[in-house]
N, C-alpha and C. Protein backbone atom coordinates (compact mmCIF):
# COMPACT_ATOMS: atom_id res chain seq x y z
N MET A 1 114.76 89.02 84.08
CA MET A 1 114.77 88.00 85.10
C MET A 1 115.28 86.70 84.51
N ILE A 2 116.07 86.01 85.28
CA ILE A 2 116.59 84.71 84.89
C ILE A 2 116.06 83.68 85.88
N PHE A 3 115.57 82.57 85.36
CA PHE A 3 115.03 81.51 86.20
C PHE A 3 115.89 80.27 86.02
N GLU A 4 116.33 79.71 87.12
CA GLU A 4 117.12 78.49 87.09
C GLU A 4 116.35 77.38 87.80
N ASP A 5 116.64 76.14 87.40
CA ASP A 5 116.01 74.97 88.03
C ASP A 5 114.49 75.06 88.01
N VAL A 6 113.93 75.31 86.82
CA VAL A 6 112.48 75.35 86.66
C VAL A 6 112.04 74.37 85.58
N THR A 7 110.79 73.98 85.68
CA THR A 7 110.15 73.17 84.65
C THR A 7 109.11 74.06 83.99
N ALA A 8 109.14 74.10 82.66
CA ALA A 8 108.18 74.92 81.91
C ALA A 8 107.07 74.04 81.37
N THR A 9 105.85 74.56 81.42
CA THR A 9 104.71 73.90 80.81
C THR A 9 104.54 74.47 79.41
N ALA A 10 104.59 73.61 78.40
CA ALA A 10 104.59 74.07 77.01
C ALA A 10 103.24 74.65 76.58
N LEU A 11 102.14 74.14 77.13
CA LEU A 11 100.83 74.66 76.74
C LEU A 11 100.55 75.99 77.43
N ALA A 12 100.05 76.93 76.66
CA ALA A 12 99.75 78.26 77.19
C ALA A 12 98.46 78.27 77.99
N ASN A 13 98.40 79.18 78.96
CA ASN A 13 97.16 79.52 79.66
C ASN A 13 96.56 80.67 78.86
N ILE A 14 95.37 80.49 78.32
CA ILE A 14 94.78 81.50 77.45
C ILE A 14 93.47 81.99 78.08
N TYR A 15 93.37 83.30 78.26
CA TYR A 15 92.21 83.92 78.88
C TYR A 15 91.64 85.00 77.97
N PHE A 16 90.37 85.29 78.16
CA PHE A 16 89.70 86.41 77.47
C PHE A 16 89.94 86.38 75.96
N ASP A 17 89.63 85.23 75.37
CA ASP A 17 89.74 85.06 73.91
C ASP A 17 91.13 85.39 73.38
N GLY A 18 92.15 85.05 74.13
CA GLY A 18 93.53 85.25 73.69
C GLY A 18 94.11 86.61 74.00
N LYS A 19 93.38 87.43 74.72
CA LYS A 19 93.87 88.78 75.05
C LYS A 19 94.85 88.76 76.23
N VAL A 20 94.85 87.67 77.01
CA VAL A 20 95.82 87.47 78.09
C VAL A 20 96.34 86.04 77.93
N VAL A 21 97.66 85.92 77.81
CA VAL A 21 98.28 84.62 77.58
C VAL A 21 99.48 84.48 78.51
N SER A 22 99.62 83.30 79.14
CA SER A 22 100.79 83.08 80.00
C SER A 22 101.29 81.66 79.85
N HIS A 23 102.51 81.45 80.30
CA HIS A 23 103.12 80.12 80.38
C HIS A 23 103.55 79.91 81.82
N SER A 24 103.41 78.67 82.29
CA SER A 24 103.71 78.35 83.68
C SER A 24 105.09 77.74 83.85
N LEU A 25 105.73 78.14 84.94
CA LEU A 25 106.99 77.55 85.37
C LEU A 25 106.79 77.02 86.78
N THR A 26 107.48 75.94 87.10
CA THR A 26 107.48 75.41 88.46
C THR A 26 108.92 75.26 88.89
N GLY A 27 109.27 75.89 90.01
CA GLY A 27 110.64 75.81 90.53
C GLY A 27 110.89 74.46 91.18
N ALA A 28 112.17 74.11 91.31
CA ALA A 28 112.54 72.85 91.97
C ALA A 28 111.98 72.80 93.39
N ASP A 29 111.79 73.97 94.00
CA ASP A 29 111.24 74.05 95.35
C ASP A 29 109.71 74.05 95.37
N GLY A 30 109.09 73.92 94.19
CA GLY A 30 107.63 73.87 94.10
C GLY A 30 106.96 75.20 93.85
N ARG A 31 107.72 76.30 93.86
CA ARG A 31 107.09 77.61 93.65
C ARG A 31 106.56 77.72 92.23
N LYS A 32 105.44 78.41 92.11
CA LYS A 32 104.76 78.57 90.83
C LYS A 32 104.95 80.00 90.32
N ILE A 33 105.26 80.09 89.03
CA ILE A 33 105.49 81.37 88.37
C ILE A 33 104.81 81.32 87.01
N THR A 34 104.24 82.43 86.57
CA THR A 34 103.76 82.51 85.20
C THR A 34 104.39 83.72 84.53
N LEU A 35 104.65 83.58 83.25
CA LEU A 35 105.18 84.66 82.40
C LEU A 35 104.10 84.97 81.39
N GLY A 36 103.70 86.24 81.28
CA GLY A 36 102.57 86.49 80.39
C GLY A 36 102.54 87.82 79.69
N LEU A 37 101.54 87.92 78.82
CA LEU A 37 101.25 89.11 78.02
C LEU A 37 99.81 89.51 78.24
N VAL A 38 99.57 90.81 78.32
CA VAL A 38 98.21 91.34 78.41
C VAL A 38 98.04 92.34 77.27
N TYR A 39 97.11 92.06 76.38
CA TYR A 39 96.82 92.95 75.26
C TYR A 39 95.82 94.01 75.71
N PRO A 40 95.66 95.09 74.94
CA PRO A 40 94.74 96.15 75.35
C PRO A 40 93.35 95.64 75.70
N GLY A 41 92.84 96.17 76.80
CA GLY A 41 91.53 95.80 77.31
C GLY A 41 91.52 95.87 78.82
N LYS A 42 90.40 95.50 79.40
CA LYS A 42 90.21 95.53 80.85
C LYS A 42 89.75 94.14 81.28
N TYR A 43 90.47 93.54 82.25
CA TYR A 43 90.24 92.15 82.63
C TYR A 43 90.25 92.00 84.14
N HIS A 44 89.40 91.12 84.66
CA HIS A 44 89.38 90.85 86.09
C HIS A 44 89.88 89.44 86.36
N PHE A 45 90.74 89.29 87.37
CA PHE A 45 91.27 88.00 87.79
C PHE A 45 90.99 87.79 89.27
N ASP A 46 90.55 86.59 89.61
CA ASP A 46 90.42 86.19 91.01
C ASP A 46 91.75 85.58 91.45
N THR A 47 92.08 85.73 92.72
CA THR A 47 93.31 85.16 93.25
C THR A 47 92.98 84.14 94.33
N ALA A 48 93.48 82.93 94.17
CA ALA A 48 93.37 81.92 95.22
C ALA A 48 94.53 82.12 96.19
N ALA A 49 95.74 82.21 95.65
CA ALA A 49 96.95 82.46 96.45
C ALA A 49 97.35 83.92 96.29
N ALA A 50 98.17 84.40 97.21
CA ALA A 50 98.72 85.76 97.06
C ALA A 50 99.68 85.76 95.87
N GLU A 51 99.73 86.89 95.17
CA GLU A 51 100.56 87.00 93.97
C GLU A 51 101.36 88.29 93.98
N ARG A 52 102.57 88.19 93.43
CA ARG A 52 103.38 89.38 93.14
C ARG A 52 103.45 89.47 91.62
N MET A 53 103.02 90.61 91.08
CA MET A 53 103.02 90.82 89.64
C MET A 53 104.10 91.84 89.29
N ASP A 54 105.21 91.35 88.73
CA ASP A 54 106.29 92.23 88.26
C ASP A 54 106.00 92.59 86.80
N ILE A 55 105.94 93.87 86.52
CA ILE A 55 105.72 94.33 85.15
C ILE A 55 107.09 94.43 84.48
N THR A 56 107.27 93.71 83.38
CA THR A 56 108.58 93.67 82.72
C THR A 56 108.63 94.51 81.44
N ALA A 57 107.48 94.84 80.89
CA ALA A 57 107.42 95.71 79.71
C ALA A 57 106.01 96.27 79.60
N GLY A 58 105.90 97.46 79.02
CA GLY A 58 104.59 98.07 78.84
C GLY A 58 104.10 98.77 80.09
N ARG A 59 102.78 98.98 80.11
CA ARG A 59 102.16 99.75 81.19
C ARG A 59 100.74 99.25 81.42
N CYS A 60 100.30 99.28 82.68
CA CYS A 60 98.94 98.86 83.00
C CYS A 60 98.42 99.66 84.19
N GLU A 61 97.11 99.63 84.33
CA GLU A 61 96.46 100.21 85.50
C GLU A 61 95.78 99.07 86.24
N VAL A 62 95.91 99.06 87.56
CA VAL A 62 95.40 97.96 88.36
C VAL A 62 94.56 98.50 89.51
N THR A 63 93.41 97.86 89.72
CA THR A 63 92.58 98.14 90.88
C THR A 63 92.39 96.83 91.63
N LEU A 64 92.85 96.78 92.87
CA LEU A 64 92.66 95.60 93.69
C LEU A 64 91.21 95.54 94.15
N ASP A 65 90.67 94.32 94.28
CA ASP A 65 89.32 94.17 94.81
C ASP A 65 89.27 94.84 96.18
N ASP A 66 88.12 95.36 96.54
CA ASP A 66 87.91 96.06 97.81
C ASP A 66 88.70 97.36 97.90
N SER A 67 89.10 97.91 96.74
CA SER A 67 89.80 99.19 96.71
C SER A 67 89.25 100.00 95.54
N GLU A 68 89.15 101.29 95.74
CA GLU A 68 88.73 102.16 94.65
C GLU A 68 89.92 102.86 94.02
N LYS A 69 91.10 102.70 94.65
CA LYS A 69 92.31 103.36 94.17
C LYS A 69 92.93 102.56 93.03
N LYS A 70 93.17 103.23 91.91
CA LYS A 70 93.79 102.62 90.75
C LYS A 70 95.27 102.98 90.74
N GLY A 71 96.14 101.97 90.59
CA GLY A 71 97.58 102.21 90.52
C GLY A 71 98.06 102.00 89.09
N THR A 72 99.07 102.77 88.71
CA THR A 72 99.67 102.62 87.39
C THR A 72 101.04 101.97 87.55
N TYR A 73 101.29 100.94 86.74
CA TYR A 73 102.53 100.17 86.84
C TYR A 73 103.16 100.05 85.46
N GLU A 74 104.47 100.18 85.42
CA GLU A 74 105.20 100.03 84.16
C GLU A 74 106.44 99.21 84.42
N ALA A 75 107.21 98.95 83.38
CA ALA A 75 108.39 98.10 83.49
C ALA A 75 109.24 98.50 84.70
N GLY A 76 109.62 97.49 85.49
CA GLY A 76 110.44 97.72 86.67
C GLY A 76 109.66 97.92 87.95
N THR A 77 108.33 97.91 87.86
CA THR A 77 107.50 98.07 89.06
C THR A 77 106.68 96.80 89.27
N TYR A 78 106.04 96.71 90.43
CA TYR A 78 105.22 95.53 90.73
C TYR A 78 104.09 95.91 91.67
N PHE A 79 103.11 95.01 91.74
CA PHE A 79 102.05 95.13 92.75
C PHE A 79 101.81 93.75 93.34
N ASP A 80 101.29 93.73 94.55
CA ASP A 80 100.94 92.50 95.24
C ASP A 80 99.42 92.39 95.31
N ALA A 81 98.91 91.22 95.02
CA ALA A 81 97.47 90.95 95.15
C ALA A 81 97.28 89.92 96.26
N PRO A 82 96.40 90.20 97.20
CA PRO A 82 96.20 89.26 98.32
C PRO A 82 95.48 87.98 97.90
N ALA A 83 95.66 86.95 98.70
CA ALA A 83 94.99 85.67 98.48
C ALA A 83 93.48 85.83 98.66
N ARG A 84 92.74 84.97 97.99
CA ARG A 84 91.27 84.94 98.10
C ARG A 84 90.66 86.32 97.84
N SER A 85 91.13 86.95 96.79
CA SER A 85 90.66 88.27 96.44
C SER A 85 90.65 88.36 94.91
N GLY A 86 91.15 89.46 94.38
CA GLY A 86 91.23 89.62 92.93
C GLY A 86 91.68 91.02 92.56
N PHE A 87 91.80 91.23 91.26
CA PHE A 87 92.20 92.55 90.76
C PHE A 87 91.72 92.71 89.34
N THR A 88 91.57 93.97 88.95
CA THR A 88 91.25 94.32 87.57
C THR A 88 92.47 94.98 86.97
N ILE A 89 92.89 94.49 85.81
CA ILE A 89 94.04 95.05 85.12
C ILE A 89 93.57 95.62 83.78
N GLU A 90 94.04 96.82 83.46
CA GLU A 90 93.66 97.47 82.21
C GLU A 90 94.91 97.92 81.48
N VAL A 91 94.98 97.55 80.21
CA VAL A 91 96.05 98.00 79.32
C VAL A 91 95.39 98.86 78.26
N ARG A 92 95.85 100.09 78.16
CA ARG A 92 95.21 101.02 77.21
C ARG A 92 95.83 100.96 75.82
N GLU A 93 97.15 100.67 75.75
CA GLU A 93 97.81 100.58 74.45
C GLU A 93 99.04 99.70 74.55
N GLY A 94 99.42 99.13 73.42
CA GLY A 94 100.59 98.26 73.41
C GLY A 94 100.31 96.95 74.13
N ILE A 95 101.38 96.30 74.56
CA ILE A 95 101.28 95.03 75.27
C ILE A 95 102.00 95.17 76.60
N CYS A 96 101.37 94.72 77.66
CA CYS A 96 101.98 94.70 78.98
C CYS A 96 102.48 93.28 79.22
N GLN A 97 103.76 93.16 79.61
CA GLN A 97 104.33 91.85 79.91
C GLN A 97 104.59 91.76 81.41
N TYR A 98 104.43 90.56 81.96
CA TYR A 98 104.56 90.41 83.41
C TYR A 98 105.14 89.07 83.79
N VAL A 99 105.62 89.02 85.03
CA VAL A 99 106.01 87.79 85.70
C VAL A 99 105.20 87.74 86.98
N CYS A 100 104.39 86.69 87.14
CA CYS A 100 103.57 86.52 88.32
C CYS A 100 104.19 85.43 89.19
N THR A 101 104.53 85.77 90.41
CA THR A 101 105.06 84.79 91.36
C THR A 101 103.99 84.55 92.40
N PHE A 102 103.62 83.29 92.58
CA PHE A 102 102.63 82.94 93.58
C PHE A 102 103.33 82.84 94.92
N LEU A 103 102.86 83.62 95.88
CA LEU A 103 103.52 83.73 97.18
C LEU A 103 103.00 82.67 98.15
N PRO A 104 103.89 82.25 99.09
CA PRO A 104 103.46 81.25 100.08
C PRO A 104 102.42 81.80 101.04
C-alpha cells in the first residue's frame, strides 16, 4: 500500500507490553490510519469507530465481539470491525502486520 498526502506521528502506539505496536497516519482529508505489528499472543481491542483491518503480512485469527465464529486472515485479506464493539486477535506464530483504516 502506498499512502500520499499523509502526516505521520513519530511516537508509536504501544499495547500489551510491546506485543502490539502501531504508528498513526492522518490523511489530508482527516482520515485516520494505523500501520502495525502484532506479535504472538491473544489480544482484545475495543472499537470506538468502525475499522477495516487489512492484513499485509503473516496470519491471525479474529473473533468479533458478539460472535463465536473465528475467522483466519493472512496477507491480502481483511476484516471489518463495527463501531462501538471490539474484536480479539490471536497470532500463533511469527508476526502479523496490518493496516487499520478507521471508517466514517
